[in-house]
Amino acid sequence: MRRNDDYLGATPAGQAQTKQQFIDAVTAGVLFAGKAEMMDRKVRIYGDTAVSTGFVTGVVGVDKSRYIRVYVKRNNKWRLVASQGTRVEGGQ
């Protein structure tokens, strides 16, 4: 596995998603309706690893989604290596 391809993702519908599938969905406009808005973002840093959590709106077919993202610092840049979105029922 190449270092640039070590992304693991899951959609709010629970489907596994590769890095290229995520990029293609964002580029094609099928993932977000308009501009995504992040809210209640919290970031914890553990050495060269960071975990970000919060809510996002604007996901197609979902009013609000809770997310978790994991970043790893490589060559002095933060790289997204894993993400998970979970649909929030009732807008909570």
PDB file of N, CA and C in Angstrom:
ATOM      1  N   MET A   1       0.839  -1.173   0.000  1.00  0.00           N
ATOM      2  CA  MET A   1       0.000   0.000   0.000  1.00  0.00           C
ATOM      3  C   MET A   1       0.891   1.245   0.000  1.00  0.00           C
ATOM      4  N   ARG A   2       0.621   2.137  -0.895  1.00  0.00           N
ATOM      5  CA  ARG A   2       1.358   3.401  -0.918  1.00  0.00           C
ATOM      6  C   ARG A   2       0.884   4.282   0.218  1.00  0.00           C
ATOM      7  N   ARG A   3       1.776   5.105   0.736  1.00  0.00           N
ATOM      8  CA  ARG A   3       1.430   5.991   1.854  1.00  0.00           C
ATOM      9  C   ARG A   3       0.272   6.916   1.512  1.00  0.00           C
ATOM     10  N   ASN A   4       0.167   7.363   0.285  1.00  0.00           N
ATOM     11  CA  ASN A   4      -0.902   8.277  -0.100  1.00  0.00           C
ATOM     12  C   ASN A   4      -2.256   7.581  -0.192  1.00  0.00           C
ATOM     13  N   ASP A   5      -2.258   6.262  -0.205  1.00  0.00           N
ATOM     14  CA  ASP A   5      -3.503   5.521  -0.366  1.00  0.00           C
ATOM     15  C   ASP A   5      -3.993   4.897   0.934  1.00  0.00           C
ATOM     16  N   ASP A   6      -3.424   5.283   2.075  1.00  0.00           N
ATOM     17  CA  ASP A   6      -3.794   4.618   3.315  1.00  0.00           C
ATOM     18  C   ASP A   6      -4.966   5.298   4.018  1.00  0.00           C
ATOM     19  N   TYR A   7      -5.943   5.740   3.264  1.00  0.00           N
ATOM     20  CA  TYR A   7      -7.158   6.352   3.788  1.00  0.00           C
ATOM     21  C   TYR A   7      -8.235   5.294   3.953  1.00  0.00           C
ATOM     22  N   LEU A   8      -8.920   5.324   5.079  1.00  0.00           N
ATOM     23  CA  LEU A   8     -10.072   4.452   5.322  1.00  0.00           C
ATOM     24  C   LEU A   8     -11.258   5.342   5.625  1.00  0.00           C
ATOM     25  N   GLY A   9     -12.358   5.128   4.944  1.00  0.00           N
ATOM     26  CA  GLY A   9     -13.516   5.982   5.180  1.00  0.00           C
ATOM     27  C   GLY A   9     -14.805   5.195   5.196  1.00  0.00           C
ATOM     28  N   ALA A  10     -15.831   5.813   5.791  1.00  0.00           N
ATOM     29  CA  ALA A  10     -17.176   5.237   5.802  1.00  0.00           C
ATOM     30  C   ALA A  10     -18.172   6.374   5.675  1.00  0.00           C
ATOM     31  N   THR A  11     -19.175   6.189   4.854  1.00  0.00           N
ATOM     32  CA  THR A  11     -20.204   7.195   4.618  1.00  0.00           C
ATOM     33  C   THR A  11     -21.238   7.153   5.744  1.00  0.00           C
ATOM     34  N   PRO A  12     -22.097   8.188   5.854  1.00  0.00           N
ATOM     35  CA  PRO A  12     -23.174   8.137   6.843  1.00  0.00           C
ATOM     36  C   PRO A  12     -24.122   6.951   6.647  1.00  0.00           C
ATOM     37  N   ALA A  13     -24.145   6.388   5.442  1.00  0.00           N
ATOM     38  CA  ALA A  13     -24.977   5.207   5.181  1.00  0.00           C
ATOM     39  C   ALA A  13     -24.261   3.915   5.552  1.00  0.00           C
ATOM     40  N   GLY A  14     -23.017   4.024   6.033  1.00  0.00           N
ATOM     41  CA  GLY A  14     -22.275   2.843   6.481  1.00  0.00           C
ATOM     42  C   GLY A  14     -21.480   2.143   5.401  1.00  0.00           C
ATOM     43  N   GLN A  15     -21.342   2.761   4.242  1.00  0.00           N
ATOM     44  CA  GLN A  15     -20.598   2.147   3.149  1.00  0.00           C
ATOM     45  C   GLN A  15     -19.116   2.484   3.261  1.00  0.00           C
ATOM     46  N   ALA A  16     -18.266   1.480   3.045  1.00  0.00           N
ATOM     47  CA  ALA A  16     -16.820   1.709   3.030  1.00  0.00           C
ATOM     48  C   ALA A  16     -16.488   2.623   1.857  1.00  0.00           C
ATOM     49  N   GLN A  17     -15.460   3.446   2.033  1.00  0.00           N
ATOM     50  CA  GLN A  17     -15.125   4.408   0.994  1.00  0.00           C
ATOM     51  C   GLN A  17     -13.610   4.568   0.904  1.00  0.00           C
ATOM     52  N   THR A  18     -13.093   4.454  -0.312  1.00  0.00           N
ATOM     53  CA  THR A  18     -11.667   4.672  -0.543  1.00  0.00           C
ATOM     54  C   THR A  18     -11.402   6.171  -0.690  1.00  0.00           C
ATOM     55  N   LYS A  19     -10.138   6.528  -0.666  1.00  0.00           N
ATOM     56  CA  LYS A  19      -9.760   7.930  -0.853  1.00  0.00           C
ATOM     57  C   LYS A  19     -10.258   8.439  -2.205  1.00  0.00           C
ATOM     58  N   GLN A  20     -10.077   7.664  -3.258  1.00  0.00           N
ATOM     59  CA  GLN A  20     -10.499   8.098  -4.586  1.00  0.00           C
ATOM     60  C   GLN A  20     -12.013   8.229  -4.670  1.00  0.00           C
ATOM     61  N   GLN A  21     -12.765   7.328  -4.031  1.00  0.00           N
ATOM     62  CA  GLN A  21     -14.222   7.442  -4.029  1.00  0.00           C
ATOM     63  C   GLN A  21     -14.669   8.717  -3.319  1.00  0.00           C
ATOM     64  N   PHE A  22     -14.003   9.058  -2.215  1.00  0.00           N
ATOM     65  CA  PHE A  22     -14.326  10.287  -1.493  1.00  0.00           C
ATOM     66  C   PHE A  22     -14.055  11.506  -2.375  1.00  0.00           C
ATOM     67  N   ILE A  23     -12.884  11.547  -2.993  1.00  0.00           N
ATOM     68  CA  ILE A  23     -12.519  12.668  -3.869  1.00  0.00           C
ATOM     69  C   ILE A  23     -13.506  12.781  -5.026  1.00  0.00           C
ATOM     70  N   ASP A  24     -13.842  11.648  -5.642  1.00  0.00           N
ATOM     71  CA  ASP A  24     -14.785  11.653  -6.769  1.00  0.00           C
ATOM     72  C   ASP A  24     -16.157  12.161  -6.349  1.00  0.00           C
ATOM     73  N   ALA A  25     -16.638  11.754  -5.174  1.00  0.00           N
ATOM     74  CA  ALA A  25     -17.958  12.182  -4.687  1.00  0.00           C
ATOM     75  C   ALA A  25     -17.987  13.681  -4.409  1.00  0.00           C
ATOM     76  N   VAL A  26     -16.934  14.208  -3.810  1.00  0.00           N
ATOM     77  CA  VAL A  26     -16.869  15.645  -3.533  1.00  0.00           C
ATOM     78  C   VAL A  26     -16.780  16.420  -4.840  1.00  0.00           C
ATOM     79  N   THR A  27     -15.916  15.980  -5.751  1.00  0.00           N
ATOM     80  CA  THR A  27     -15.727  16.663  -7.031  1.00  0.00           C
ATOM     81  C   THR A  27     -17.002  16.674  -7.865  1.00  0.00           C
ATOM     82  N   ALA A  28     -17.743  15.563  -7.855  1.00  0.00           N
ATOM     83  CA  ALA A  28     -18.961  15.453  -8.650  1.00  0.00           C
ATOM     84  C   ALA A  28     -20.158  16.152  -7.997  1.00  0.00           C
ATOM     85  N   GLY A  29     -20.001  16.570  -6.741  1.00  0.00           N
ATOM     86  CA  GLY A  29     -21.094  17.244  -6.052  1.00  0.00           C
ATOM     87  C   GLY A  29     -22.164  16.314  -5.531  1.00  0.00           C
ATOM     88  N   VAL A  30     -21.872  15.012  -5.468  1.00  0.00           N
ATOM     89  CA  VAL A  30     -22.878  14.059  -4.981  1.00  0.00           C
ATOM     90  C   VAL A  30     -22.778  13.809  -3.476  1.00  0.00           C
ATOM     91  N   LEU A  31     -21.724  14.305  -2.834  1.00  0.00           N
ATOM     92  CA  LEU A  31     -21.568  14.104  -1.397  1.00  0.00           C
ATOM     93  C   LEU A  31     -22.157  15.265  -0.606  1.00  0.00           C
ATOM     94  N   PHE A  32     -21.890  16.482  -1.048  1.00  0.00           N
ATOM     95  CA  PHE A  32     -22.363  17.663  -0.336  1.00  0.00           C
ATOM     96  C   PHE A  32     -23.303  18.471  -1.211  1.00  0.00           C
ATOM     97  N   ALA A  33     -24.409  18.937  -0.611  1.00  0.00           N
ATOM     98  CA  ALA A  33     -25.361  19.810  -1.294  1.00  0.00           C
ATOM     99  C   ALA A  33     -24.951  21.241  -0.976  1.00  0.00           C
ATOM    100  N   GLY A  34     -24.301  21.896  -1.899  1.00  0.00           N
ATOM    101  CA  GLY A  34     -23.808  23.242  -1.627  1.00  0.00           C
ATOM    102  C   GLY A  34     -22.543  23.172  -0.792  1.00  0.00           C
ATOM    103  N   LYS A  35     -22.445  24.045   0.192  1.00  0.00           N
ATOM    104  CA  LYS A  35     -21.248  24.123   1.023  1.00  0.00           C
ATOM    105  C   LYS A  35     -21.483  23.393   2.346  1.00  0.00           C
ATOM    106  N   ALA A  36     -20.558  22.514   2.693  1.00  0.00           N
ATOM    107  CA  ALA A  36     -20.639  21.825   3.970  1.00  0.00           C
ATOM    108  C   ALA A  36     -20.303  22.805   5.086  1.00  0.00           C
ATOM    109  N   GLU A  37     -21.004  22.683   6.204  1.00  0.00           N
ATOM    110  CA  GLU A  37     -20.746  23.537   7.359  1.00  0.00           C
ATOM    111  C   GLU A  37     -20.379  22.663   8.554  1.00  0.00           C
ATOM    112  N   MET A  38     -19.212  22.923   9.127  1.00  0.00           N
ATOM    113  CA  MET A  38     -18.739  22.190  10.302  1.00  0.00           C
ATOM    114  C   MET A  38     -19.153  22.948  11.557  1.00  0.00           C
ATOM    115  N   MET A  39     -19.588  22.200  12.574  1.00  0.00           N
ATOM    116  CA  MET A  39     -20.006  22.811  13.837  1.00  0.00           C
ATOM    117  C   MET A  39     -19.449  21.992  14.998  1.00  0.00           C
ATOM    118  N   ASP A  40     -19.296  22.632  16.128  1.00  0.00           N
ATOM    119  CA  ASP A  40     -18.893  21.973  17.373  1.00  0.00           C
ATOM    120  C   ASP A  40     -17.637  21.126  17.189  1.00  0.00           C
ATOM    121  N   ARG A  41     -16.686  21.653  16.432  1.00  0.00           N
ATOM    122  CA  ARG A  41     -15.458  20.911  16.138  1.00  0.00           C
ATOM    123  C   ARG A  41     -14.555  20.859  17.373  1.00  0.00           C
ATOM    124  N   LYS A  42     -14.049  19.676  17.645  1.00  0.00           N
ATOM    125  CA  LYS A  42     -13.076  19.478  18.717  1.00  0.00           C
ATOM    126  C   LYS A  42     -11.898  18.703  18.140  1.00  0.00           C
ATOM    127  N   VAL A  43     -10.687  19.111  18.495  1.00  0.00           N
ATOM    128  CA  VAL A  43      -9.485  18.453  17.991  1.00  0.00           C
ATOM    129  C   VAL A  43      -8.612  18.068  19.179  1.00  0.00           C
ATOM    130  N   ARG A  44      -8.149  16.828  19.172  1.00  0.00           N
ATOM    131  CA  ARG A  44      -7.209  16.341  20.177  1.00  0.00           C
ATOM    132  C   ARG A  44      -5.962  15.885  19.440  1.00  0.00           C
ATOM    133  N   ILE A  45      -4.787  16.306  19.926  1.00  0.00           N
ATOM    134  CA  ILE A  45      -3.529  15.928  19.291  1.00  0.00           C
ATOM    135  C   ILE A  45      -2.756  15.015  20.220  1.00  0.00           C
ATOM    136  N   TYR A  46      -2.290  13.904  19.660  1.00  0.00           N
ATOM    137  CA  TYR A  46      -1.513  12.903  20.375  1.00  0.00           C
ATOM    138  C   TYR A  46      -0.222  12.667  19.598  1.00  0.00           C
ATOM    139  N   GLY A  47       0.775  13.503  19.828  1.00  0.00           N
ATOM    140  CA  GLY A  47       2.030  13.386  19.091  1.00  0.00           C
ATOM    141  C   GLY A  47       1.828  13.719  17.628  1.00  0.00           C
ATOM    142  N   ASP A  48       2.055  12.735  16.757  1.00  0.00           N
ATOM    143  CA  ASP A  48       1.891  12.919  15.314  1.00  0.00           C
ATOM    144  C   ASP A  48       0.531  12.452  14.812  1.00  0.00           C
ATOM    145  N   THR A  49      -0.425  12.290  15.735  1.00  0.00           N
ATOM    146  CA  THR A  49      -1.780  11.876  15.378  1.00  0.00           C
ATOM    147  C   THR A  49      -2.771  12.881  15.958  1.00  0.00           C
ATOM    148  N   ALA A  50      -3.789  13.233  15.176  1.00  0.00           N
ATOM    149  CA  ALA A  50      -4.832  14.139  15.650  1.00  0.00           C
ATOM    150  C   ALA A  50      -6.194  13.519  15.359  1.00  0.00           C
ATOM    151  N   VAL A  51      -7.131  13.718  16.283  1.00  0.00           N
ATOM    152  CA  VAL A  51      -8.491  13.235  16.120  1.00  0.00           C
ATOM    153  C   VAL A  51      -9.417  14.451  16.159  1.00  0.00           C
ATOM    154  N   SER A  52     -10.243  14.596  15.146  1.00  0.00           N
ATOM    155  CA  SER A  52     -11.184  15.706  15.047  1.00  0.00           C
ATOM    156  C   SER A  52     -12.597  15.144  15.060  1.00  0.00           C
ATOM    157  N   THR A  53     -13.470  15.751  15.870  1.00  0.00           N
ATOM    158  CA  THR A  53     -14.868  15.337  15.918  1.00  0.00           C
ATOM    159  C   THR A  53     -15.754  16.559  15.796  1.00  0.00           C
ATOM    160  N   GLY A  54     -17.003  16.342  15.429  1.00  0.00           N
ATOM    161  CA  GLY A  54     -17.952  17.443  15.344  1.00  0.00           C
ATOM    162  C   GLY A  54     -19.165  17.041  14.529  1.00  0.00           C
ATOM    163  N   PHE A  55     -19.874  18.045  14.056  1.00  0.00           N
ATOM    164  CA  PHE A  55     -21.047  17.836  13.218  1.00  0.00           C
ATOM    165  C   PHE A  55     -20.818  18.515  11.882  1.00  0.00           C
ATOM    166  N   VAL A  56     -21.458  17.992  10.847  1.00  0.00           N
ATOM    167  CA  VAL A  56     -21.408  18.620   9.527  1.00  0.00           C
ATOM    168  C   VAL A  56     -22.817  18.610   8.944  1.00  0.00           C
ATOM    169  N   THR A  57     -23.189  19.714   8.312  1.00  0.00           N
ATOM    170  CA  THR A  57     -24.443  19.780   7.572  1.00  0.00           C
ATOM    171  C   THR A  57     -24.096  19.934   6.104  1.00  0.00           C
ATOM    172  N   GLY A  58     -25.066  19.665   5.242  1.00  0.00           N
ATOM    173  CA  GLY A  58     -24.844  19.803   3.812  1.00  0.00           C
ATOM    174  C   GLY A  58     -24.565  18.488   3.114  1.00  0.00           C
ATOM    175  N   VAL A  59     -24.527  17.369   3.866  1.00  0.00           N
ATOM    176  CA  VAL A  59     -24.330  16.061   3.253  1.00  0.00           C
ATOM    177  C   VAL A  59     -25.624  15.693   2.516  1.00  0.00           C
ATOM    178  N   VAL A  60     -25.517  15.252   1.284  1.00  0.00           N
ATOM    179  CA  VAL A  60     -26.680  14.920   0.467  1.00  0.00           C
ATOM    180  C   VAL A  60     -27.511  13.840   1.166  1.00  0.00           C
ATOM    181  N   GLY A  61     -28.812  14.120   1.341  1.00  0.00           N
ATOM    182  CA  GLY A  61     -29.729  13.159   1.927  1.00  0.00           C
ATOM    183  C   GLY A  61     -29.661  13.061   3.446  1.00  0.00           C
ATOM    184  N   VAL A  62     -28.854  13.888   4.088  1.00  0.00           N
ATOM    185  CA  VAL A  62     -28.696  13.843   5.542  1.00  0.00           C
ATOM    186  C   VAL A  62     -28.776  15.270   6.071  1.00  0.00           C
ATOM    187  N   ASP A  63     -29.660  15.510   7.052  1.00  0.00           N
ATOM    188  CA  ASP A  63     -29.748  16.857   7.628  1.00  0.00           C
ATOM    189  C   ASP A  63     -28.491  17.212   8.398  1.00  0.00           C
ATOM    190  N   LYS A  64     -28.034  16.271   9.214  1.00  0.00           N
ATOM    191  CA  LYS A  64     -26.872  16.530  10.058  1.00  0.00           C
ATOM    192  C   LYS A  64     -26.148  15.210  10.289  1.00  0.00           C
ATOM    193  N   SER A  65     -24.824  15.282  10.315  1.00  0.00           N
ATOM    194  CA  SER A  65     -24.014  14.088  10.490  1.00  0.00           C
ATOM    195  C   SER A  65     -22.936  14.375  11.527  1.00  0.00           C
ATOM    196  N   ARG A  66     -22.703  13.419  12.429  1.00  0.00           N
ATOM    197  CA  ARG A  66     -21.589  13.507  13.364  1.00  0.00           C
ATOM    198  C   ARG A  66     -20.402  12.845  12.678  1.00  0.00           C
ATOM    199  N   TYR A  67     -19.223  13.458  12.797  1.00  0.00           N
ATOM    200  CA  TYR A  67     -18.065  12.880  12.135  1.00  0.00           C
ATOM    201  C   TYR A  67     -16.909  12.703  13.103  1.00  0.00           C
ATOM    202  N   ILE A  68     -16.035  11.803  12.731  1.00  0.00           N
ATOM    203  CA  ILE A  68     -14.745  11.639  13.390  1.00  0.00           C
ATOM    204  C   ILE A  68     -13.725  11.472  12.275  1.00  0.00           C
ATOM    205  N   ARG A  69     -12.615  12.184  12.415  1.00  0.00           N
ATOM    206  CA  ARG A  69     -11.544  12.114  11.415  1.00  0.00           C
ATOM    207  C   ARG A  69     -10.221  11.941  12.132  1.00  0.00           C
ATOM    208  N   VAL A  70      -9.355  11.136  11.532  1.00  0.00           N
ATOM    209  CA  VAL A  70      -8.037  10.881  12.109  1.00  0.00           C
ATOM    210  C   VAL A  70      -6.986  11.373  11.114  1.00  0.00           C
ATOM    211  N   TYR A  71      -6.060  12.175  11.616  1.00  0.00           N
ATOM    212  CA  TYR A  71      -4.987  12.732  10.809  1.00  0.00           C
ATOM    213  C   TYR A  71      -3.645  12.246  11.349  1.00  0.00           C
ATOM    214  N   VAL A  72      -2.672  12.089  10.453  1.00  0.00           N
ATOM    215  CA  VAL A  72      -1.309  11.733  10.831  1.00  0.00           C
ATOM    216  C   VAL A  72      -0.388  12.785  10.228  1.00  0.00           C
ATOM    217  N   LYS A  73       0.583  13.237  11.014  1.00  0.00           N
ATOM    218  CA  LYS A  73       1.533  14.234  10.531  1.00  0.00           C
ATOM    219  C   LYS A  73       2.693  13.531   9.837  1.00  0.00           C
ATOM    220  N   ARG A  74       2.867  13.852   8.553  1.00  0.00           N
ATOM    221  CA  ARG A  74       3.951  13.296   7.741  1.00  0.00           C
ATOM    222  C   ARG A  74       4.616  14.427   6.987  1.00  0.00           C
ATOM    223  N   ASN A  75       5.941  14.459   7.022  1.00  0.00           N
ATOM    224  CA  ASN A  75       6.697  15.508   6.332  1.00  0.00           C
ATOM    225  C   ASN A  75       6.175  16.901   6.697  1.00  0.00           C
ATOM    226  N   ASN A  76       5.847  17.068   7.974  1.00  0.00           N
ATOM    227  CA  ASN A  76       5.387  18.346   8.518  1.00  0.00           C
ATOM    228  C   ASN A  76       4.024  18.787   7.992  1.00  0.00           C
ATOM    229  N   LYS A  77       3.224  17.861   7.430  1.00  0.00           N
ATOM    230  CA  LYS A  77       1.878  18.161   6.946  1.00  0.00           C
ATOM    231  C   LYS A  77       0.901  17.153   7.545  1.00  0.00           C
ATOM    232  N   TRP A  78      -0.279  17.625   7.898  1.00  0.00           N
ATOM    233  CA  TRP A  78      -1.314  16.739   8.421  1.00  0.00           C
ATOM    234  C   TRP A  78      -2.053  16.080   7.260  1.00  0.00           C
ATOM    235  N   ARG A  79      -2.165  14.743   7.307  1.00  0.00           N
ATOM    236  CA  ARG A  79      -2.832  13.952   6.253  1.00  0.00           C
ATOM    237  C   ARG A  79      -4.020  13.212   6.848  1.00  0.00           C
ATOM    238  N   LEU A  80      -5.172  13.326   6.201  1.00  0.00           N
ATOM    239  CA  LEU A  80      -6.355  12.593   6.626  1.00  0.00           C
ATOM    240  C   LEU A  80      -6.167  11.115   6.285  1.00  0.00           C
ATOM    241  N   VAL A  81      -6.275  10.246   7.294  1.00  0.00           N
ATOM    242  CA  VAL A  81      -6.084   8.815   7.048  1.00  0.00           C
ATOM    243  C   VAL A  81      -7.334   7.994   7.334  1.00  0.00           C
ATOM    244  N   ALA A  82      -8.301   8.550   8.089  1.00  0.00           N
ATOM    245  CA  ALA A  82      -9.534   7.806   8.358  1.00  0.00           C
ATOM    246  C   ALA A  82     -10.652   8.778   8.684  1.00  0.00           C
ATOM    247  N   SER A  83     -11.862   8.431   8.262  1.00  0.00           N
ATOM    248  CA  SER A  83     -13.026   9.250   8.605  1.00  0.00           C
ATOM    249  C   SER A  83     -14.257   8.379   8.678  1.00  0.00           C
ATOM    250  N   GLN A  84     -15.201   8.827   9.490  1.00  0.00           N
ATOM    251  CA  GLN A  84     -16.472   8.123   9.659  1.00  0.00           C
ATOM    252  C   GLN A  84     -17.549   9.177   9.841  1.00  0.00           C
ATOM    253  N   GLY A  85     -18.627   9.037   9.110  1.00  0.00           N
ATOM    254  CA  GLY A  85     -19.781   9.919   9.279  1.00  0.00           C
ATOM    255  C   GLY A  85     -20.966   9.107   9.757  1.00  0.00           C
ATOM    256  N   THR A  86     -21.718   9.646  10.710  1.00  0.00           N
ATOM    257  CA  THR A  86     -22.895   8.965  11.224  1.00  0.00           C
ATOM    258  C   THR A  86     -24.080   9.928  11.185  1.00  0.00           C
ATOM    259  N   ARG A  87     -25.132   9.504  10.539  1.00  0.00           N
ATOM    260  CA  ARG A  87     -26.338  10.315  10.424  1.00  0.00           C
ATOM    261  C   ARG A  87     -26.903  10.589  11.816  1.00  0.00           C
ATOM    262  N   VAL A  88     -27.271  11.843  12.060  1.00  0.00           N
ATOM    263  CA  VAL A  88     -27.901  12.220  13.326  1.00  0.00           C
ATOM    264  C   VAL A  88     -29.397  12.294  13.095  1.00  0.00           C
ATOM    265  N   GLU A  89     -30.136  11.442  13.760  1.00  0.00           N
ATOM    266  CA  GLU A  89     -31.606  11.421  13.617  1.00  0.00           C
ATOM    267  C   GLU A  89     -32.217  12.559  14.402  1.00  0.00           C
ATOM    268  N   GLY A  90     -33.196  13.234  13.829  1.00  0.00           N
ATOM    269  CA  GLY A  90     -33.908  14.292  14.514  1.00  0.00           C
ATOM    270  C   GLY A  90     -33.119  15.564  14.736  1.00  0.00           C
ATOM    271  N   GLY A  91     -31.963  15.703  14.064  1.00  0.00           N
ATOM    272  CA  GLY A  91     -31.182  16.931  14.154  1.00  0.00           C
ATOM    273  C   GLY A  91     -30.498  17.167  15.489  1.00  0.00           C
ATOM    274  N   GLN A  92     -30.344  16.141  16.297  1.00  0.00           N
ATOM    275  CA  GLN A  92     -29.702  16.294  17.610  1.00  0.00           C
ATOM    276  C   GLN A  92     -28.230  16.536  17.501  1.00  0.00           C
TER     277      GLN A  92
END
